[in-house]
Amino acid sequence: MQDPPVQQERTGRALMGVVAATGLVYPLLLCAVQLALAQLFVVDVGATVLWLGVSLACSVALVAAVRWGAARRVRSPWLLLGLVPPVLYEVWVLWPLLTR
């Protein structure tokens, strides 16, 4: 059985991780809207790359905050593997502009 102070510390760390992760939801939503606007009306490759980079940073920070709160290792090959489908989709969308 764990000591109460250790359990309180783990619970506090988990709650801080959840709060930090929820704080990154709105920037991710903003990135999604900006990406849609950058690709929907007038395709802007620079803006698309910028917002993809910002959303990638927010996604990694969100996962890092959750994993930090759970006191687990932050670096994970599965995190990078999970980023492959969105990157492939964006390359597919932007491919006609890149091959001009």
N, C-alpha and C. Protein backbone atom coordinates (compact mmCIF):
# COMPACT_ATOMS: atom_id res chain seq x y z
N MET A 1 0.84 -1.18 0.00
CA MET A 1 0.00 0.00 0.00
C MET A 1 0.89 1.25 0.00
N GLN A 2 0.48 2.25 -0.77
CA GLN A 2 1.28 3.47 -0.88
C GLN A 2 0.96 4.44 0.25
N ASP A 3 1.97 5.26 0.53
CA ASP A 3 1.75 6.31 1.52
C ASP A 3 0.79 7.34 0.95
N PRO A 4 -0.04 7.95 1.80
CA PRO A 4 -0.96 8.98 1.31
C PRO A 4 -0.29 10.15 0.59
N PRO A 5 0.86 10.67 1.07
CA PRO A 5 1.48 11.78 0.33
C PRO A 5 1.91 11.38 -1.09
N VAL A 6 2.39 10.16 -1.26
CA VAL A 6 2.79 9.69 -2.59
C VAL A 6 1.57 9.58 -3.49
N GLN A 7 0.49 9.06 -2.96
CA GLN A 7 -0.74 8.94 -3.73
C GLN A 7 -1.28 10.31 -4.10
N GLN A 8 -1.21 11.26 -3.17
CA GLN A 8 -1.67 12.62 -3.47
C GLN A 8 -0.81 13.25 -4.56
N GLU A 9 0.49 13.00 -4.51
CA GLU A 9 1.38 13.55 -5.53
C GLU A 9 1.06 12.97 -6.90
N ARG A 10 0.81 11.68 -6.96
CA ARG A 10 0.46 11.05 -8.24
C ARG A 10 -0.89 11.57 -8.77
N THR A 11 -1.85 11.74 -7.87
CA THR A 11 -3.15 12.26 -8.29
C THR A 11 -3.02 13.70 -8.76
N GLY A 12 -2.25 14.50 -8.05
CA GLY A 12 -2.04 15.89 -8.47
C GLY A 12 -1.34 15.99 -9.81
N ARG A 13 -0.36 15.14 -10.03
CA ARG A 13 0.35 15.13 -11.31
C ARG A 13 -0.58 14.71 -12.44
N ALA A 14 -1.42 13.71 -12.19
CA ALA A 14 -2.37 13.27 -13.21
C ALA A 14 -3.36 14.38 -13.54
N LEU A 15 -3.85 15.07 -12.54
CA LEU A 15 -4.79 16.17 -12.78
C LEU A 15 -4.13 17.32 -13.54
N MET A 16 -2.88 17.64 -13.22
CA MET A 16 -2.17 18.69 -13.95
C MET A 16 -1.96 18.29 -15.41
N GLY A 17 -1.68 17.01 -15.64
CA GLY A 17 -1.53 16.53 -17.02
C GLY A 17 -2.82 16.65 -17.81
N VAL A 18 -3.93 16.34 -17.18
CA VAL A 18 -5.24 16.46 -17.85
C VAL A 18 -5.55 17.92 -18.14
N VAL A 19 -5.29 18.80 -17.18
CA VAL A 19 -5.55 20.23 -17.40
C VAL A 19 -4.68 20.77 -18.52
N ALA A 20 -3.41 20.38 -18.54
CA ALA A 20 -2.51 20.83 -19.61
C ALA A 20 -2.97 20.31 -20.96
N ALA A 21 -3.42 19.06 -21.00
CA ALA A 21 -3.89 18.49 -22.27
C ALA A 21 -5.16 19.18 -22.74
N THR A 22 -6.08 19.48 -21.85
CA THR A 22 -7.31 20.14 -22.28
C THR A 22 -7.04 21.57 -22.72
N GLY A 23 -5.99 22.18 -22.19
CA GLY A 23 -5.62 23.52 -22.63
C GLY A 23 -5.13 23.55 -24.07
N LEU A 24 -4.72 22.42 -24.61
CA LEU A 24 -4.24 22.35 -25.98
C LEU A 24 -5.34 22.01 -26.98
N VAL A 25 -6.55 21.76 -26.51
CA VAL A 25 -7.64 21.40 -27.41
C VAL A 25 -8.03 22.59 -28.29
N TYR A 26 -8.14 23.76 -27.73
CA TYR A 26 -8.54 24.93 -28.52
C TYR A 26 -7.51 25.31 -29.58
N PRO A 27 -6.21 25.29 -29.27
CA PRO A 27 -5.25 25.54 -30.36
C PRO A 27 -5.33 24.50 -31.47
N LEU A 28 -5.60 23.24 -31.12
CA LEU A 28 -5.77 22.22 -32.15
C LEU A 28 -6.99 22.49 -33.00
N LEU A 29 -8.07 22.93 -32.38
CA LEU A 29 -9.27 23.28 -33.12
C LEU A 29 -9.02 24.46 -34.05
N LEU A 30 -8.30 25.45 -33.58
CA LEU A 30 -7.93 26.59 -34.41
C LEU A 30 -7.09 26.14 -35.59
N CYS A 31 -6.15 25.25 -35.36
CA CYS A 31 -5.32 24.74 -36.45
C CYS A 31 -6.16 24.01 -37.49
N ALA A 32 -7.14 23.24 -37.03
CA ALA A 32 -8.00 22.51 -37.97
C ALA A 32 -8.80 23.48 -38.83
N VAL A 33 -9.33 24.52 -38.22
CA VAL A 33 -10.11 25.51 -38.98
C VAL A 33 -9.20 26.25 -39.96
N GLN A 34 -8.03 26.65 -39.52
CA GLN A 34 -7.11 27.36 -40.40
C GLN A 34 -6.64 26.46 -41.56
N LEU A 35 -6.42 25.20 -41.29
CA LEU A 35 -6.04 24.27 -42.36
C LEU A 35 -7.15 24.13 -43.38
N ALA A 36 -8.38 24.03 -42.89
CA ALA A 36 -9.52 23.92 -43.82
C ALA A 36 -9.63 25.18 -44.67
N LEU A 37 -9.48 26.34 -44.05
CA LEU A 37 -9.56 27.59 -44.81
C LEU A 37 -8.41 27.74 -45.79
N ALA A 38 -7.22 27.29 -45.41
CA ALA A 38 -6.05 27.41 -46.28
C ALA A 38 -6.16 26.49 -47.49
N GLN A 39 -6.97 25.44 -47.39
CA GLN A 39 -7.08 24.49 -48.50
C GLN A 39 -8.41 24.59 -49.24
N LEU A 40 -9.39 25.23 -48.65
CA LEU A 40 -10.73 25.21 -49.22
C LEU A 40 -10.96 26.31 -50.25
N PHE A 41 -10.74 27.53 -49.89
CA PHE A 41 -11.07 28.64 -50.77
C PHE A 41 -9.94 28.93 -51.75
N VAL A 42 -8.82 29.37 -51.25
CA VAL A 42 -7.64 29.61 -52.08
C VAL A 42 -6.53 28.76 -51.49
N VAL A 43 -6.02 27.83 -52.27
CA VAL A 43 -5.01 26.92 -51.74
C VAL A 43 -3.71 27.69 -51.53
N ASP A 44 -3.29 27.74 -50.30
CA ASP A 44 -2.08 28.45 -49.91
C ASP A 44 -1.12 27.44 -49.29
N VAL A 45 -0.11 27.05 -50.04
CA VAL A 45 0.82 26.02 -49.59
C VAL A 45 1.58 26.47 -48.35
N GLY A 46 2.00 27.72 -48.32
CA GLY A 46 2.74 28.23 -47.17
C GLY A 46 1.91 28.18 -45.90
N ALA A 47 0.66 28.62 -45.98
CA ALA A 47 -0.21 28.60 -44.81
C ALA A 47 -0.51 27.16 -44.38
N THR A 48 -0.68 26.29 -45.35
CA THR A 48 -0.95 24.89 -45.03
C THR A 48 0.22 24.28 -44.29
N VAL A 49 1.42 24.52 -44.76
CA VAL A 49 2.61 23.98 -44.10
C VAL A 49 2.76 24.58 -42.70
N LEU A 50 2.51 25.87 -42.58
CA LEU A 50 2.61 26.53 -41.28
C LEU A 50 1.63 25.92 -40.28
N TRP A 51 0.35 25.81 -40.66
CA TRP A 51 -0.66 25.29 -39.74
C TRP A 51 -0.48 23.81 -39.48
N LEU A 52 0.07 23.07 -40.45
CA LEU A 52 0.40 21.67 -40.18
C LEU A 52 1.50 21.56 -39.13
N GLY A 53 2.49 22.42 -39.23
CA GLY A 53 3.56 22.42 -38.23
C GLY A 53 3.06 22.78 -36.85
N VAL A 54 2.21 23.80 -36.77
CA VAL A 54 1.65 24.20 -35.47
C VAL A 54 0.78 23.09 -34.90
N SER A 55 -0.04 22.47 -35.75
CA SER A 55 -0.91 21.39 -35.25
C SER A 55 -0.10 20.18 -34.84
N LEU A 56 0.99 19.90 -35.54
CA LEU A 56 1.87 18.81 -35.15
C LEU A 56 2.48 19.08 -33.78
N ALA A 57 2.94 20.30 -33.56
CA ALA A 57 3.53 20.66 -32.27
C ALA A 57 2.49 20.56 -31.15
N CYS A 58 1.26 21.02 -31.42
CA CYS A 58 0.20 20.93 -30.41
C CYS A 58 -0.17 19.48 -30.12
N SER A 59 -0.21 18.64 -31.14
CA SER A 59 -0.54 17.23 -30.95
C SER A 59 0.52 16.53 -30.10
N VAL A 60 1.78 16.78 -30.41
CA VAL A 60 2.85 16.16 -29.63
C VAL A 60 2.83 16.69 -28.20
N ALA A 61 2.58 17.98 -28.02
CA ALA A 61 2.51 18.54 -26.67
C ALA A 61 1.34 17.97 -25.89
N LEU A 62 0.20 17.74 -26.55
CA LEU A 62 -0.96 17.16 -25.88
C LEU A 62 -0.65 15.75 -25.39
N VAL A 63 -0.06 14.94 -26.24
CA VAL A 63 0.29 13.58 -25.84
C VAL A 63 1.35 13.60 -24.74
N ALA A 64 2.31 14.50 -24.86
CA ALA A 64 3.34 14.61 -23.84
C ALA A 64 2.76 15.01 -22.49
N ALA A 65 1.78 15.92 -22.50
CA ALA A 65 1.15 16.35 -21.24
C ALA A 65 0.40 15.20 -20.59
N VAL A 66 -0.31 14.42 -21.40
CA VAL A 66 -1.06 13.29 -20.84
C VAL A 66 -0.09 12.24 -20.29
N ARG A 67 0.95 11.95 -21.06
CA ARG A 67 1.92 10.94 -20.61
C ARG A 67 2.71 11.43 -19.40
N TRP A 68 3.02 12.74 -19.33
CA TRP A 68 3.69 13.28 -18.16
C TRP A 68 2.81 13.12 -16.94
N GLY A 69 1.52 13.41 -17.11
CA GLY A 69 0.59 13.28 -15.99
C GLY A 69 0.48 11.85 -15.49
N ALA A 70 0.66 10.91 -16.40
CA ALA A 70 0.60 9.50 -16.01
C ALA A 70 1.96 8.97 -15.58
N ALA A 71 2.97 9.86 -15.56
CA ALA A 71 4.35 9.51 -15.17
C ALA A 71 4.91 8.40 -16.06
N ARG A 72 4.72 8.57 -17.36
CA ARG A 72 5.26 7.61 -18.32
C ARG A 72 6.23 8.31 -19.25
N ARG A 73 6.98 7.52 -19.96
CA ARG A 73 7.96 8.04 -20.91
C ARG A 73 7.23 8.78 -22.03
N VAL A 74 7.74 9.95 -22.43
CA VAL A 74 7.06 10.78 -23.42
C VAL A 74 7.33 10.30 -24.83
N ARG A 75 8.54 9.92 -25.13
CA ARG A 75 8.88 9.50 -26.49
C ARG A 75 8.29 8.14 -26.77
N SER A 76 7.58 8.07 -27.89
CA SER A 76 6.93 6.82 -28.26
C SER A 76 6.94 6.68 -29.77
N PRO A 77 7.36 5.52 -30.28
CA PRO A 77 7.29 5.32 -31.73
C PRO A 77 5.86 5.29 -32.23
N TRP A 78 4.91 4.91 -31.38
CA TRP A 78 3.51 4.87 -31.81
C TRP A 78 2.96 6.27 -32.05
N LEU A 79 3.47 7.25 -31.32
CA LEU A 79 3.06 8.64 -31.54
C LEU A 79 3.45 9.08 -32.94
N LEU A 80 4.68 8.80 -33.32
CA LEU A 80 5.14 9.16 -34.66
C LEU A 80 4.41 8.36 -35.73
N LEU A 81 4.13 7.09 -35.47
CA LEU A 81 3.41 6.26 -36.43
C LEU A 81 1.97 6.79 -36.62
N GLY A 82 1.38 7.31 -35.56
CA GLY A 82 0.02 7.85 -35.66
C GLY A 82 -0.05 9.13 -36.47
N LEU A 83 1.08 9.80 -36.67
CA LEU A 83 1.10 11.02 -37.47
C LEU A 83 1.20 10.73 -38.97
N VAL A 84 1.48 9.51 -39.35
CA VAL A 84 1.66 9.17 -40.76
C VAL A 84 0.38 9.37 -41.58
N PRO A 85 -0.80 8.88 -41.16
CA PRO A 85 -1.99 9.07 -42.00
C PRO A 85 -2.35 10.52 -42.28
N PRO A 86 -2.33 11.44 -41.29
CA PRO A 86 -2.62 12.83 -41.63
C PRO A 86 -1.59 13.44 -42.58
N VAL A 87 -0.33 13.08 -42.40
CA VAL A 87 0.71 13.60 -43.29
C VAL A 87 0.50 13.09 -44.71
N LEU A 88 0.18 11.81 -44.86
CA LEU A 88 -0.08 11.26 -46.20
C LEU A 88 -1.29 11.93 -46.85
N TYR A 89 -2.33 12.20 -46.06
CA TYR A 89 -3.50 12.88 -46.60
C TYR A 89 -3.15 14.28 -47.09
N GLU A 90 -2.38 15.01 -46.31
CA GLU A 90 -2.02 16.36 -46.71
C GLU A 90 -1.12 16.35 -47.95
N VAL A 91 -0.24 15.39 -48.05
CA VAL A 91 0.58 15.28 -49.26
C VAL A 91 -0.30 14.98 -50.45
N TRP A 92 -1.28 14.12 -50.28
CA TRP A 92 -2.21 13.79 -51.37
C TRP A 92 -3.01 15.02 -51.80
N VAL A 93 -3.43 15.83 -50.85
CA VAL A 93 -4.20 17.03 -51.17
C VAL A 93 -3.31 18.06 -51.89
N LEU A 94 -2.09 18.22 -51.43
CA LEU A 94 -1.20 19.24 -51.98
C LEU A 94 -0.37 18.77 -53.17
N TRP A 95 -0.41 17.50 -53.52
CA TRP A 95 0.43 16.98 -54.59
C TRP A 95 0.25 17.71 -55.93
N PRO A 96 -0.98 18.01 -56.35
CA PRO A 96 -1.11 18.74 -57.64
C PRO A 96 -0.41 20.10 -57.63
N LEU A 97 -0.41 20.76 -56.49
CA LEU A 97 0.26 22.07 -56.41
C LEU A 97 1.77 21.92 -56.37
N LEU A 98 2.26 20.86 -55.79
CA LEU A 98 3.69 20.67 -55.68
C LEU A 98 4.33 20.20 -56.98
N THR A 99 3.54 19.60 -57.87
CA THR A 99 4.08 19.06 -59.12
C THR A 99 3.95 20.03 -60.29
N ARG A 100 3.45 21.22 -60.07
CA ARG A 100 3.31 22.20 -61.15
C ARG A 100 4.64 22.68 -61.61
